C-alpha atoms as a PDB file:
ATOM      1  CA  MET A   1      23.992  33.496  -5.665  1.00  0.00           C
ATOM      2  CA  GLY A   2      23.364  30.369  -7.729  1.00  0.00           C
ATOM      3  CA  GLN A   3      25.875  29.026 -10.234  1.00  0.00           C
ATOM      4  CA  LYS A   4      25.722  30.786 -13.594  1.00  0.00           C
ATOM      5  CA  GLN A   5      24.262  28.684 -16.381  1.00  0.00           C
ATOM      6  CA  LEU A   6      24.997  29.190 -20.075  1.00  0.00           C
ATOM      7  CA  ASN A   7      21.920  29.082 -22.318  1.00  0.00           C
ATOM      8  CA  GLU A   8      23.461  27.701 -25.507  1.00  0.00           C
ATOM      9  CA  LYS A   9      20.083  27.289 -27.213  1.00  0.00           C
ATOM     10  CA  LEU A  10      19.295  30.995 -26.935  1.00  0.00           C
ATOM     11  CA  ILE A  11      22.810  31.897 -28.065  1.00  0.00           C
ATOM     12  CA  ASN A  12      22.486  29.627 -31.110  1.00  0.00           C
ATOM     13  CA  ALA A  13      19.058  31.064 -31.944  1.00  0.00           C
ATOM     14  CA  ARG A  14      20.481  34.583 -31.917  1.00  0.00           C
ATOM     15  CA  LEU A  15      23.533  33.596 -33.965  1.00  0.00           C
ATOM     16  CA  SER A  16      21.308  31.867 -36.523  1.00  0.00           C
ATOM     17  CA  LYS A  17      19.889  35.337 -37.225  1.00  0.00           C
ATOM     18  CA  GLN A  18      23.426  36.748 -37.313  1.00  0.00           C
ATOM     19  CA  TRP A  19      22.468  39.252 -34.615  1.00  0.00           C
ATOM     20  CA  THR A  20      24.658  40.745 -31.944  1.00  0.00           C
ATOM     21  CA  GLN A  21      23.158  40.980 -28.462  1.00  0.00           C
ATOM     22  CA  GLU A  22      22.505  44.674 -29.057  1.00  0.00           C
ATOM     23  CA  GLU A  23      20.712  43.926 -32.339  1.00  0.00           C
ATOM     24  CA  ALA A  24      18.607  41.229 -30.673  1.00  0.00           C
ATOM     25  CA  CYS A  25      17.611  43.713 -27.969  1.00  0.00           C
ATOM     26  CA  GLU A  26      16.561  46.221 -30.620  1.00  0.00           C
ATOM     27  CA  LYS A  27      14.484  43.626 -32.490  1.00  0.00           C
ATOM     28  CA  LEU A  28      12.599  42.520 -29.365  1.00  0.00           C
ATOM     29  CA  GLY A  29      12.460  45.823 -27.487  1.00  0.00           C
ATOM     30  CA  VAL A  30      14.620  44.561 -24.619  1.00  0.00           C
ATOM     31  CA  PRO A  31      15.645  47.540 -22.426  1.00  0.00           C
ATOM     32  CA  SER A  32      19.382  46.771 -22.323  1.00  0.00           C
ATOM     33  CA  ALA A  33      22.069  44.385 -23.556  1.00  0.00           C
ATOM     34  CA  ARG A  34      22.744  43.571 -19.907  1.00  0.00           C
ATOM     35  CA  THR A  35      19.280  42.020 -19.655  1.00  0.00           C
ATOM     36  CA  TRP A  36      20.012  39.854 -22.689  1.00  0.00           C
ATOM     37  CA  GLN A  37      23.379  38.827 -21.239  1.00  0.00           C
ATOM     38  CA  ARG A  38      21.647  37.617 -18.089  1.00  0.00           C
ATOM     39  CA  TRP A  39      19.330  35.456 -20.203  1.00  0.00           C
ATOM     40  CA  GLU A  40      22.212  33.912 -22.146  1.00  0.00           C
ATOM     41  CA  ARG A  41      24.919  33.596 -19.524  1.00  0.00           C
ATOM     42  CA  GLU A  42      23.392  33.698 -16.047  1.00  0.00           C
ATOM     43  CA  GLY A  43      20.448  31.324 -16.281  1.00  0.00           C
ATOM     44  CA  VAL A  44      17.915  34.140 -15.880  1.00  0.00           C
ATOM     45  CA  THR A  45      14.432  33.452 -17.256  1.00  0.00           C
ATOM     46  CA  PRO A  46      12.752  36.367 -19.090  1.00  0.00           C
ATOM     47  CA  SER A  47       9.414  37.778 -17.988  1.00  0.00           C
ATOM     48  CA  LEU A  48       6.209  36.381 -19.495  1.00  0.00           C
ATOM     49  CA  TYR A  49       6.087  39.238 -22.011  1.00  0.00           C
ATOM     50  CA  PHE A  50       9.574  38.565 -23.357  1.00  0.00           C
ATOM     51  CA  ARG A  51       9.153  34.793 -23.317  1.00  0.00           C
ATOM     52  CA  LYS A  52       6.272  35.263 -25.748  1.00  0.00           C
ATOM     53  CA  LYS A  53       8.280  37.739 -27.835  1.00  0.00           C
ATOM     54  CA  LEU A  54      11.233  35.365 -28.056  1.00  0.00           C
ATOM     55  CA  CYS A  55       9.026  32.519 -29.268  1.00  0.00           C
ATOM     56  CA  GLU A  56       7.391  34.769 -31.872  1.00  0.00           C
ATOM     57  CA  VAL A  57      10.596  36.283 -33.223  1.00  0.00           C
ATOM     58  CA  PHE A  58      12.612  33.062 -33.404  1.00  0.00           C
ATOM     59  CA  CYS A  59       9.624  30.815 -34.279  1.00  0.00           C
ATOM     60  CA  LEU A  60      10.761  28.384 -31.603  1.00  0.00           C
ATOM     61  CA  SER A  61       9.256  26.931 -28.444  1.00  0.00           C
ATOM     62  CA  LEU A  62      10.461  27.905 -24.987  1.00  0.00           C
ATOM     63  CA  GLU A  63      12.207  24.536 -24.690  1.00  0.00           C
ATOM     64  CA  ASP A  64      13.995  25.113 -28.009  1.00  0.00           C
ATOM     65  CA  LEU A  65      15.160  28.467 -26.646  1.00  0.00           C
ATOM     66  CA  GLY A  66      16.515  26.864 -23.483  1.00  0.00           C
ATOM     67  CA  PHE A  67      13.734  27.855 -21.081  1.00  0.00           C
ATOM     68  CA  GLU A  68      11.391  25.607 -19.145  1.00  0.00           C
ATOM     69  CA  GLN A  69       7.660  25.831 -19.655  1.00  0.00           C
ATOM     70  CA  PRO A  70       6.082  27.661 -16.681  1.00  0.00           C
ATOM     71  CA  THR A  71       4.263  25.273 -14.379  1.00  0.00           C
ATOM     72  CA  SER A  72       0.562  25.782 -13.788  1.00  0.00           C
ATOM     73  CA  ILE A  73       0.046  26.365 -10.087  1.00  0.00           C
ATOM     74  CA  GLY A  74      -3.054  25.292  -8.214  1.00  0.00           C
ATOM     75  CA  ASN A  75      -4.513  26.993  -5.185  1.00  0.00           C
ATOM     76  CA  ILE A  76      -2.155  27.876  -2.395  1.00  0.00           C
ATOM     77  CA  SER A  77      -3.529  25.428   0.157  1.00  0.00           C
ATOM     78  CA  SER A  78      -2.950  22.424  -2.096  1.00  0.00           C
ATOM     79  CA  THR A  79       0.549  23.685  -2.882  1.00  0.00           C
ATOM     80  CA  ARG A  80       1.324  23.841   0.820  1.00  0.00           C
ATOM     81  CA  GLU A  81       0.019  20.307   1.301  1.00  0.00           C
ATOM     82  CA  ARG A  82       2.317  19.065  -1.456  1.00  0.00           C
ATOM     83  CA  ALA A  83       5.216  20.956   0.087  1.00  0.00           C
ATOM     84  CA  HIS A  84       4.675  19.293   3.455  1.00  0.00           C
ATOM     85  CA  SER A  85       4.163  15.841   1.982  1.00  0.00           C
ATOM     86  CA  ASN A  86       7.290  16.042  -0.196  1.00  0.00           C
ATOM     87  CA  THR A  87       9.674  17.561   2.323  1.00  0.00           C
ATOM     88  CA  SER A  88      11.023  14.279   3.662  1.00  0.00           C
ATOM     89  CA  GLU A  89      11.466  12.746   0.214  1.00  0.00           C
ATOM     90  CA  LYS A  90      14.240  15.049  -1.024  1.00  0.00           C
ATOM     91  CA  GLU A  91      17.905  14.834  -0.099  1.00  0.00           C
ATOM     92  CA  PRO A  92      19.576  18.063   1.086  1.00  0.00           C
ATOM     93  CA  PRO A  93      22.324  19.765  -0.935  1.00  0.00           C
ATOM     94  CA  PRO A  94      25.726  18.233  -0.109  1.00  0.00           C
ATOM     95  CA  LEU A  95      27.064  21.234   1.821  1.00  0.00           C
ATOM     96  CA  LEU A  96      24.206  21.170   4.341  1.00  0.00           C
ATOM     97  CA  THR A  97      24.551  19.293   7.598  1.00  0.00           C
ATOM     98  CA  PRO A  98      21.767  16.947   8.750  1.00  0.00           C
ATOM     99  CA  LYS A  99      20.897  19.391  11.529  1.00  0.00           C
ATOM    100  CA  ASN A 100      20.229  22.219   9.086  1.00  0.00           C
ATOM    101  CA  ALA A 101      19.020  20.343   6.030  1.00  0.00           C
ATOM    102  CA  SER A 102      15.331  20.185   6.896  1.00  0.00           C
ATOM    103  CA  LEU A 103      15.220  23.938   7.452  1.00  0.00           C
ATOM    104  CA  PHE A 104      17.344  25.253   4.599  1.00  0.00           C
ATOM    105  CA  LYS A 105      17.059  22.921   1.622  1.00  0.00           C
ATOM    106  CA  ALA A 106      15.522  24.586  -1.419  1.00  0.00           C
ATOM    107  CA  GLN A 107      12.507  22.606  -2.547  1.00  0.00           C
ATOM    108  CA  THR A 108      10.822  22.682  -5.920  1.00  0.00           C
ATOM    109  CA  THR A 109       7.558  23.113  -4.035  1.00  0.00           C
ATOM    110  CA  ASP A 110       8.938  26.253  -2.389  1.00  0.00           C
ATOM    111  CA  GLU A 111       9.658  27.794  -5.772  1.00  0.00           C
ATOM    112  CA  LYS A 112       6.150  26.946  -6.942  1.00  0.00           C
ATOM    113  CA  LEU A 113       4.711  28.496  -3.811  1.00  0.00           C
ATOM    114  CA  LEU A 114       6.751  31.646  -4.429  1.00  0.00           C
ATOM    115  CA  GLN A 115       5.406  31.759  -7.980  1.00  0.00           C
ATOM    116  CA  THR A 116       1.867  31.457  -6.631  1.00  0.00           C
ATOM    117  CA  ILE A 117       2.400  34.476  -4.385  1.00  0.00           C
ATOM    118  CA  ILE A 118       3.877  36.410  -7.312  1.00  0.00           C
ATOM    119  CA  GLU A 119       0.949  35.610  -9.595  1.00  0.00           C
ATOM    120  CA  ARG A 120      -1.500  36.618  -6.888  1.00  0.00           C
ATOM    121  CA  ASN A 121       0.040  40.064  -6.389  1.00  0.00           C
ATOM    122  CA  PHE A 122       1.498  41.276  -9.681  1.00  0.00           C
ATOM    123  CA  SER A 123      -0.550  42.273 -12.703  1.00  0.00           C
ATOM    124  CA  ARG A 124       0.327  40.775 -16.069  1.00  0.00           C
ATOM    125  CA  ASP A 125       1.275  44.153 -17.521  1.00  0.00           C
ATOM    126  CA  LEU A 126       4.219  44.495 -15.138  1.00  0.00           C
ATOM    127  CA  THR A 127       7.058  43.896 -17.601  1.00  0.00           C
ATOM    128  CA  GLU A 128      10.638  44.968 -18.083  1.00  0.00           C
ATOM    129  CA  GLU A 129       9.404  47.514 -20.613  1.00  0.00           C
ATOM    130  CA  LEU A 130       8.348  49.672 -17.687  1.00  0.00           C
ATOM    131  CA  LEU A 131      11.952  50.065 -16.608  1.00  0.00           C
ATOM    132  CA  ALA A 132      12.624  52.717 -19.220  1.00  0.00           C
ATOM    133  CA  SER A 133       9.707  54.960 -18.253  1.00  0.00           C
ATOM    134  CA  ASN A 134       8.934  54.212 -14.644  1.00  0.00           C
ATOM    135  CA  ILE A 135      12.176  54.406 -12.702  1.00  0.00           C
ATOM    136  CA  LYS A 136      15.133  56.516 -11.717  1.00  0.00           C
ATOM    137  CA  THR A 137      18.490  54.729 -11.871  1.00  0.00           C
ATOM    138  CA  MET A 138      21.269  55.556  -9.416  1.00  0.00           C
ATOM    139  CA  ASN A 139      24.787  54.222  -8.970  1.00  0.00           C
ATOM    140  CA  PHE A 140      24.703  52.360  -5.653  1.00  0.00           C
ATOM    141  CA  ARG A 141      28.044  53.434  -4.189  1.00  0.00           C
ATOM    142  CA  ASP A 142      28.405  56.942  -5.591  1.00  0.00           C
ATOM    143  CA  GLU A 143      24.797  58.140  -5.429  1.00  0.00           C
ATOM    144  CA  TRP A 144      22.376  55.904  -3.557  1.00  0.00           C
ATOM    145  CA  GLN A 145      24.392  55.506  -0.360  1.00  0.00           C
ATOM    146  CA  TYR A 146      24.444  59.289   0.006  1.00  0.00           C
ATOM    147  CA  VAL A 147      20.663  59.652  -0.060  1.00  0.00           C
ATOM    148  CA  VAL A 148      19.309  56.380   1.341  1.00  0.00           C
ATOM    149  CA  ASN A 149      19.672  57.372   4.991  1.00  0.00           C
ATOM    150  CA  ASN A 150      17.751  60.602   4.488  1.00  0.00           C
ATOM    151  CA  LEU A 151      14.980  58.792   2.627  1.00  0.00           C
ATOM    152  CA  VAL A 152      14.727  56.036   5.229  1.00  0.00           C
ATOM    153  CA  ALA A 153      14.807  58.549   8.078  1.00  0.00           C
ATOM    154  CA  GLU A 154      11.751  60.247   6.569  1.00  0.00           C
ATOM    155  CA  ALA A 155       9.629  57.071   6.656  1.00  0.00           C
ATOM    156  CA  LYS A 156       6.291  57.796   8.293  1.00  0.00           C
ATOM    157  CA  SER A 157       4.444  54.471   8.420  1.00  0.00           C
ATOM    158  CA  GLU A 158       6.619  51.417   7.726  1.00  0.00           C
ATOM    159  CA  LEU A 159       9.864  50.294   6.099  1.00  0.00           C
ATOM    160  CA  ARG A 160       9.865  46.946   4.305  1.00  0.00           C
ATOM    161  CA  ALA A 161      13.333  45.768   3.342  1.00  0.00           C
ATOM    162  CA  MET A 162      15.351  42.728   2.298  1.00  0.00           C
ATOM    163  CA  VAL A 163      18.872  41.410   2.686  1.00  0.00           C
ATOM    164  CA  PHE A 164      20.352  39.000   0.151  1.00  0.00           C
ATOM    165  CA  ASP A 165      22.983  36.889   1.916  1.00  0.00           C
ATOM    166  CA  VAL A 166      25.637  36.674  -0.811  1.00  0.00           C
ATOM    167  CA  GLU A 167      25.732  40.372  -1.612  1.00  0.00           C
ATOM    168  CA  LEU A 168      25.141  42.313   1.575  1.00  0.00           C
ATOM    169  CA  THR A 169      26.309  40.344   4.599  1.00  0.00           C
ATOM    170  CA  ARG A 170      29.650  42.118   4.805  1.00  0.00           C
ATOM    171  CA  TRP A 171      28.132  45.516   3.938  1.00  0.00           C
ATOM    172  CA  TRP A 172      26.461  45.836   7.330  1.00  0.00           C
ATOM    173  CA  ASN A 173      29.870  46.010   9.026  1.00  0.00           C
ATOM    174  CA  THR A 174      31.146  48.819   6.805  1.00  0.00           C
ATOM    175  CA  ILE A 175      30.835  52.456   7.848  1.00  0.00           C
ATOM    176  CA  ALA A 176      27.942  52.900   5.395  1.00  0.00           C
ATOM    177  CA  GLY A 177      26.204  49.865   6.863  1.00  0.00           C
ATOM    178  CA  GLN A 178      26.692  51.069  10.431  1.00  0.00           C
ATOM    179  CA  ILE A 179      25.306  54.501   9.577  1.00  0.00           C
ATOM    180  CA  TYR A 180      22.296  52.844   7.956  1.00  0.00           C
ATOM    181  CA  MET A 181      21.770  50.789  11.118  1.00  0.00           C
ATOM    182  CA  MET A 182      21.755  53.984  13.164  1.00  0.00           C
ATOM    183  CA  THR A 183      19.049  55.326  10.854  1.00  0.00           C
ATOM    184  CA  ASN A 184      17.048  52.152  11.463  1.00  0.00           C
ATOM    185  CA  ILE A 185      17.396  52.570  15.222  1.00  0.00           C
ATOM    186  CA  GLY A 186      16.152  56.131  14.839  1.00  0.00           C
ATOM    187  CA  LEU A 187      13.007  54.891  13.086  1.00  0.00           C
ATOM    188  CA  LEU A 188      12.374  52.293  15.770  1.00  0.00           C
ATOM    189  CA  LYS A 189      12.687  54.953  18.469  1.00  0.00           C
ATOM    190  CA  LYS A 190       9.930  56.866  16.681  1.00  0.00           C
ATOM    191  CA  LYS A 191       7.765  53.708  16.826  1.00  0.00           C
ATOM    192  CA  ILE A 192       7.925  53.242  13.054  1.00  0.00           C
ATOM    193  CA  PRO A 193       7.950  49.491  12.344  1.00  0.00           C
ATOM    194  CA  ILE A 194      10.626  47.895  10.187  1.00  0.00           C
ATOM    195  CA  LYS A 195      10.215  44.546   8.472  1.00  0.00           C
ATOM    196  CA  ARG A 196      13.300  42.874   7.032  1.00  0.00           C
ATOM    197  CA  ILE A 197      13.463  39.603   5.099  1.00  0.00           C
ATOM    198  CA  PHE A 198      16.845  37.888   4.925  1.00  0.00           C
ATOM    199  CA  ILE A 199      17.083  35.781   1.752  1.00  0.00           C
ATOM    200  CA  LEU A 200      19.193  32.646   2.229  1.00  0.00           C
ATOM    201  CA  SER A 201      20.431  31.482  -1.166  1.00  0.00           C
ATOM    202  CA  SER A 202      23.981  30.265  -0.583  1.00  0.00           C
ATOM    203  CA  LEU A 203      24.891  26.671   0.259  1.00  0.00           C
ATOM    204  CA  ASP A 204      27.964  27.903   2.141  1.00  0.00           C
ATOM    205  CA  MET A 205      27.173  27.276   5.806  1.00  0.00           C
ATOM    206  CA  ARG A 206      29.658  29.887   7.015  1.00  0.00           C
ATOM    207  CA  LEU A 207      27.955  32.534   4.898  1.00  0.00           C
ATOM    208  CA  ARG A 208      24.574  31.412   6.196  1.00  0.00           C
ATOM    209  CA  MET A 209      25.811  31.709   9.762  1.00  0.00           C
ATOM    210  CA  ASN A 210      27.129  35.233   9.142  1.00  0.00           C
ATOM    211  CA  THR A 211      23.792  36.178   7.601  1.00  0.00           C
ATOM    212  CA  LEU A 212      21.937  34.830  10.622  1.00  0.00           C
ATOM    213  CA  ILE A 213      24.237  36.773  12.947  1.00  0.00           C
ATOM    214  CA  THR A 214      23.264  39.958  11.108  1.00  0.00           C
ATOM    215  CA  ALA A 215      19.596  38.944  11.181  1.00  0.00           C
ATOM    216  CA  TYR A 216      19.738  38.192  14.905  1.00  0.00           C
ATOM    217  CA  VAL A 217      21.315  41.581  15.627  1.00  0.00           C
ATOM    218  CA  HIS A 218      18.484  43.263  13.720  1.00  0.00           C
ATOM    219  CA  HIS A 219      15.967  41.201  15.660  1.00  0.00           C
ATOM    220  CA  LYS A 220      17.519  42.235  18.970  1.00  0.00           C
ATOM    221  CA  ILE A 221      17.262  45.959  18.220  1.00  0.00           C
ATOM    222  CA  GLY A 222      13.563  45.608  17.390  1.00  0.00           C
ATOM    223  CA  VAL A 223      13.376  44.920  13.647  1.00  0.00           C
ATOM    224  CA  ASN A 224      10.692  42.387  12.690  1.00  0.00           C
ATOM    225  CA  VAL A 225      12.891  39.786  10.978  1.00  0.00           C
ATOM    226  CA  ARG A 226      11.955  36.798   8.839  1.00  0.00           C
ATOM    227  CA  ILE A 227      14.300  34.289   7.189  1.00  0.00           C
ATOM    228  CA  CYS A 228      13.300  33.305   3.642  1.00  0.00           C
ATOM    229  CA  LYS A 229      14.510  30.150   1.921  1.00  0.00           C
ATOM    230  CA  ALA A 230      12.661  30.629  -1.379  1.00  0.00           C
ATOM    231  CA  ALA A 231      14.608  28.881  -4.119  1.00  0.00           C
ATOM    232  CA  ASN A 232      15.671  30.903  -7.175  1.00  0.00           C
ATOM    233  CA  PHE A 233      14.241  34.059  -5.654  1.00  0.00           C
ATOM    234  CA  GLN A 234      15.826  36.632  -7.973  1.00  0.00           C
ATOM    235  CA  ASN A 235      14.836  34.888 -11.187  1.00  0.00           C
ATOM    236  CA  ASN A 236      11.172  34.794 -10.227  1.00  0.00           C
ATOM    237  CA  ILE A 237      10.221  38.290  -9.123  1.00  0.00           C
ATOM    238  CA  PRO A 238       9.447  41.080 -11.642  1.00  0.00           C
ATOM    239  CA  PHE A 239      12.475  43.045 -12.887  1.00  0.00           C
ATOM    240  CA  LYS A 240      14.679  40.304 -11.350  1.00  0.00           C
ATOM    241  CA  PRO A 241      16.429  42.472  -8.748  1.00  0.00           C
ATOM    242  CA  ASP A 242      18.795  40.923  -6.237  1.00  0.00           C
ATOM    243  CA  MET A 243      16.468  42.359  -3.603  1.00  0.00           C
ATOM    244  CA  PHE A 244      14.063  45.239  -3.054  1.00  0.00           C
ATOM    245  CA  SER A 245      12.614  47.479  -0.361  1.00  0.00           C
ATOM    246  CA  VAL A 246       9.383  49.462  -0.011  1.00  0.00           C
ATOM    247  CA  HIS A 247       9.564  52.888   1.631  1.00  0.00           C
ATOM    248  CA  ASP A 248       6.122  53.658   3.060  1.00  0.00           C
ATOM    249  CA  ASN A 249       3.953  53.591  -0.044  1.00  0.00           C
ATOM    250  CA  LEU A 250       6.029  56.227  -1.837  1.00  0.00           C
ATOM    251  CA  PHE A 251       8.547  54.229  -3.865  1.00  0.00           C
ATOM    252  CA  VAL A 252      10.180  50.827  -4.296  1.00  0.00           C
ATOM    253  CA  THR A 253      13.953  50.406  -4.399  1.00  0.00           C
ATOM    254  CA  LEU A 254      15.243  47.661  -6.692  1.00  0.00           C
ATOM    255  CA  TYR A 255      18.832  46.603  -6.015  1.00  0.00           C
ATOM    256  CA  TYR A 256      21.160  45.067  -8.610  1.00  0.00           C
ATOM    257  CA  PHE A 257      24.378  44.077  -6.847  1.00  0.00           C
ATOM    258  CA  SER A 258      25.414  41.381  -9.320  1.00  0.00           C
ATOM    259  CA  LEU A 259      26.245  43.957 -11.996  1.00  0.00           C
ATOM    260  CA  GLU A 260      29.846  45.031 -12.507  1.00  0.00           C
ATOM    261  CA  LYS A 261      28.804  48.470 -11.259  1.00  0.00           C
ATOM    262  CA  PRO A 262      25.935  47.936  -8.780  1.00  0.00           C
ATOM    263  CA  ILE A 263      22.904  50.151  -9.327  1.00  0.00           C
ATOM    264  CA  THR A 264      19.693  51.045  -7.561  1.00  0.00           C
ATOM    265  CA  ASN A 265      16.431  51.637  -9.407  1.00  0.00           C
ATOM    266  CA  LEU A 266      13.634  53.637  -7.818  1.00  0.00           C
ATOM    267  CA  LEU A 267      10.209  52.406  -8.964  1.00  0.00           C
ATOM    268  CA  LEU A 268       7.805  55.333  -8.782  1.00  0.00           C
ATOM    269  CA  GLU A 269       4.511  54.154 -10.302  1.00  0.00           C
ATOM    270  CA  THR A 270       1.844  54.035  -7.563  1.00  0.00           C
ATOM    271  CA  LYS A 271       0.079  50.951  -8.920  1.00  0.00           C
ATOM    272  CA  HIS A 272       3.243  48.871  -9.014  1.00  0.00           C
ATOM    273  CA  ILE A 273       4.431  50.124  -5.639  1.00  0.00           C
ATOM    274  CA  ALA A 274       1.195  48.693  -4.243  1.00  0.00           C
ATOM    275  CA  GLU A 275       1.892  45.380  -5.987  1.00  0.00           C
ATOM    276  CA  PHE A 276       5.380  45.106  -4.523  1.00  0.00           C
ATOM    277  CA  THR A 277       3.994  46.028  -1.102  1.00  0.00           C
ATOM    278  CA  SER A 278       1.321  43.331  -1.166  1.00  0.00           C
ATOM    279  CA  PHE A 279       3.808  40.774  -2.496  1.00  0.00           C
ATOM    280  CA  TYR A 280       6.261  41.621   0.286  1.00  0.00           C
ATOM    281  CA  ASP A 281       3.598  41.270   2.978  1.00  0.00           C
ATOM    282  CA  ASP A 282       2.363  37.974   1.526  1.00  0.00           C
ATOM    283  CA  LEU A 283       5.888  36.578   1.464  1.00  0.00           C
ATOM    284  CA  PHE A 284       6.662  37.888   4.939  1.00  0.00           C
ATOM    285  CA  GLU A 285       3.637  36.155   6.456  1.00  0.00           C
ATOM    286  CA  ASP A 286       4.016  32.854   4.596  1.00  0.00           C
ATOM    287  CA  ASP A 287       5.182  30.210   7.069  1.00  0.00           C
ATOM    288  CA  GLN A 288       6.211  27.777   4.342  1.00  0.00           C
ATOM    289  CA  LEU A 289       8.745  30.136   2.771  1.00  0.00           C
ATOM    290  CA  CYS A 290       9.695  32.276   5.775  1.00  0.00           C
ATOM    291  CA  SER A 291      10.526  31.538   9.411  1.00  0.00           C
ATOM    292  CA  ASP A 292      11.153  33.710  12.436  1.00  0.00           C
ATOM    293  CA  VAL A 293      14.831  34.172  13.208  1.00  0.00           C
ATOM    294  CA  GLU A 294      14.615  32.740  16.738  1.00  0.00           C
ATOM    295  CA  SER A 295      13.417  29.353  15.493  1.00  0.00           C
ATOM    296  CA  VAL A 296      15.969  29.291  12.662  1.00  0.00           C
ATOM    297  CA  VAL A 297      18.837  29.969  15.051  1.00  0.00           C
ATOM    298  CA  ALA A 298      17.516  27.402  17.540  1.00  0.00           C
ATOM    299  CA  ARG A 299      17.336  24.691  14.886  1.00  0.00           C
ATOM    300  CA  SER A 300      20.798  25.539  13.584  1.00  0.00           C
ATOM    301  CA  HIS A 301      22.408  24.533  16.902  1.00  0.00           C
ATOM    302  CA  TYR A 302      25.119  27.186  16.778  1.00  0.00           C
ATOM    303  CA  ASN A 303      27.691  27.192  19.558  1.00  0.00           C
ATOM    304  CA  GLU A 304      28.410  29.984  22.010  1.00  0.00           C
ATOM    305  CA  SER A 305      30.614  31.888  19.545  1.00  0.00           C
ATOM    306  CA  PHE A 306      27.495  32.765  17.529  1.00  0.00           C
ATOM    307  CA  PHE A 307      25.895  34.565  20.457  1.00  0.00           C
ATOM    308  CA  THR A 308      29.205  36.128  21.496  1.00  0.00           C
ATOM    309  CA  THR A 309      29.500  37.693  18.042  1.00  0.00           C
ATOM    310  CA  VAL A 310      25.916  38.944  18.246  1.00  0.00           C
ATOM    311  CA  LYS A 311      26.636  40.523  21.626  1.00  0.00           C
ATOM    312  CA  THR A 312      29.801  42.194  20.302  1.00  0.00           C
ATOM    313  CA  GLU A 313      27.967  43.717  17.336  1.00  0.00           C
ATOM    314  CA  LEU A 314      25.115  44.895  19.550  1.00  0.00           C
ATOM    315  CA  ASN A 315      27.595  46.569  21.896  1.00  0.00           C
ATOM    316  CA  MET A 316      29.155  48.352  18.924  1.00  0.00           C
ATOM    317  CA  LEU A 317      25.735  49.631  17.863  1.00  0.00           C
ATOM    318  CA  TYR A 318      24.934  50.839  21.361  1.00  0.00           C
ATOM    319  CA  THR A 319      28.303  52.606  21.478  1.00  0.00           C
ATOM    320  CA  LEU A 320      27.602  54.239  18.122  1.00  0.00           C
ATOM    321  CA  GLU A 321      24.213  55.336  19.396  1.00  0.00           C
ATOM    322  CA  LYS A 322      25.832  56.853  22.467  1.00  0.00           C
ATOM    323  CA  TYR A 323      28.297  58.967  20.492  1.00  0.00           C
ATOM    324  CA  GLY A 324      25.883  59.785  17.700  1.00  0.00           C
ATOM    325  CA  SER A 325      28.169  59.200  14.715  1.00  0.00           C
ATOM    326  CA  VAL A 326      30.913  56.962  13.396  1.00  0.00           C
ATOM    327  CA  THR A 327      33.226  59.981  13.149  1.00  0.00           C
ATOM    328  CA  GLU A 328      32.764  60.903  16.805  1.00  0.00           C
ATOM    329  CA  LEU A 329      33.295  57.318  17.900  1.00  0.00           C
ATOM    330  CA  ALA A 330      36.513  57.056  15.876  1.00  0.00           C
ATOM    331  CA  ARG A 331      37.758  60.308  17.395  1.00  0.00           C
ATOM    332  CA  ARG A 332      37.232  59.020  20.933  1.00  0.00           C
ATOM    333  CA  LEU A 333      38.743  55.561  20.425  1.00  0.00           C
END
């Protein structure tokens, strides 16, 4: 996840009114103080609706409130041309090696392209106000993990999912993650396709490698995997989740792992489920923002230990599949 950025201008604007964060939320109709905290202390940009509300209430411009003016985006083909023409002009972040820089560096043009896809798929009335009336909130560890496997196992047409490198890489190797993988294998056996986008946001090359190991394992068991390098991903998409998944066309799961107590929100409105679905498919198919995992791994020039780790994890999955459960495997070992 990107470095947190304090928005002193927004803080000063609120303090000039002598409002607490809770009072500011009440004045503007913001769903929760946590949302306001993310604006002030985590560099999160509000949705279009709340950007307008902030300007109206404080009688200040976006710049005076510490937010950049949204850039007007042209058609997608011209954006892609600019992305290609500018790629060689930018220096990679310092932690990237020359071998990986051209593939992984986050370009301004990539973020603009992501915004274009967002604008093409989401209606303007999709705002954070819908959170209060349109979702069911569940604690991730205590509630969601107990029901997610059943819900995924019931998928009838397609599962679209994401993995955010910083938050979930280690989760896949936990018991809960292994059980979820078994559920995925069950879907694939029933010929139900699974798409999974792995979001690369960290500049830590070790973390990126671990993420690609997980992605490669998924690819090897039959998941259709894409690697996404969209810059500032979370701050751009509606509701600003860390990631999301679409279960058939029945509901969307919004994940918030950066909270002190991670939660999962289930988005249930049919219209907005369709918007998230079309956005996901657009992003998945976009060759500027996403790449297939085979080409990413090939360009990364990993040594033999990478593939040895992949083989070890695949063998563990096949062993789990043989015994049918983590409990049975543990009993036999």
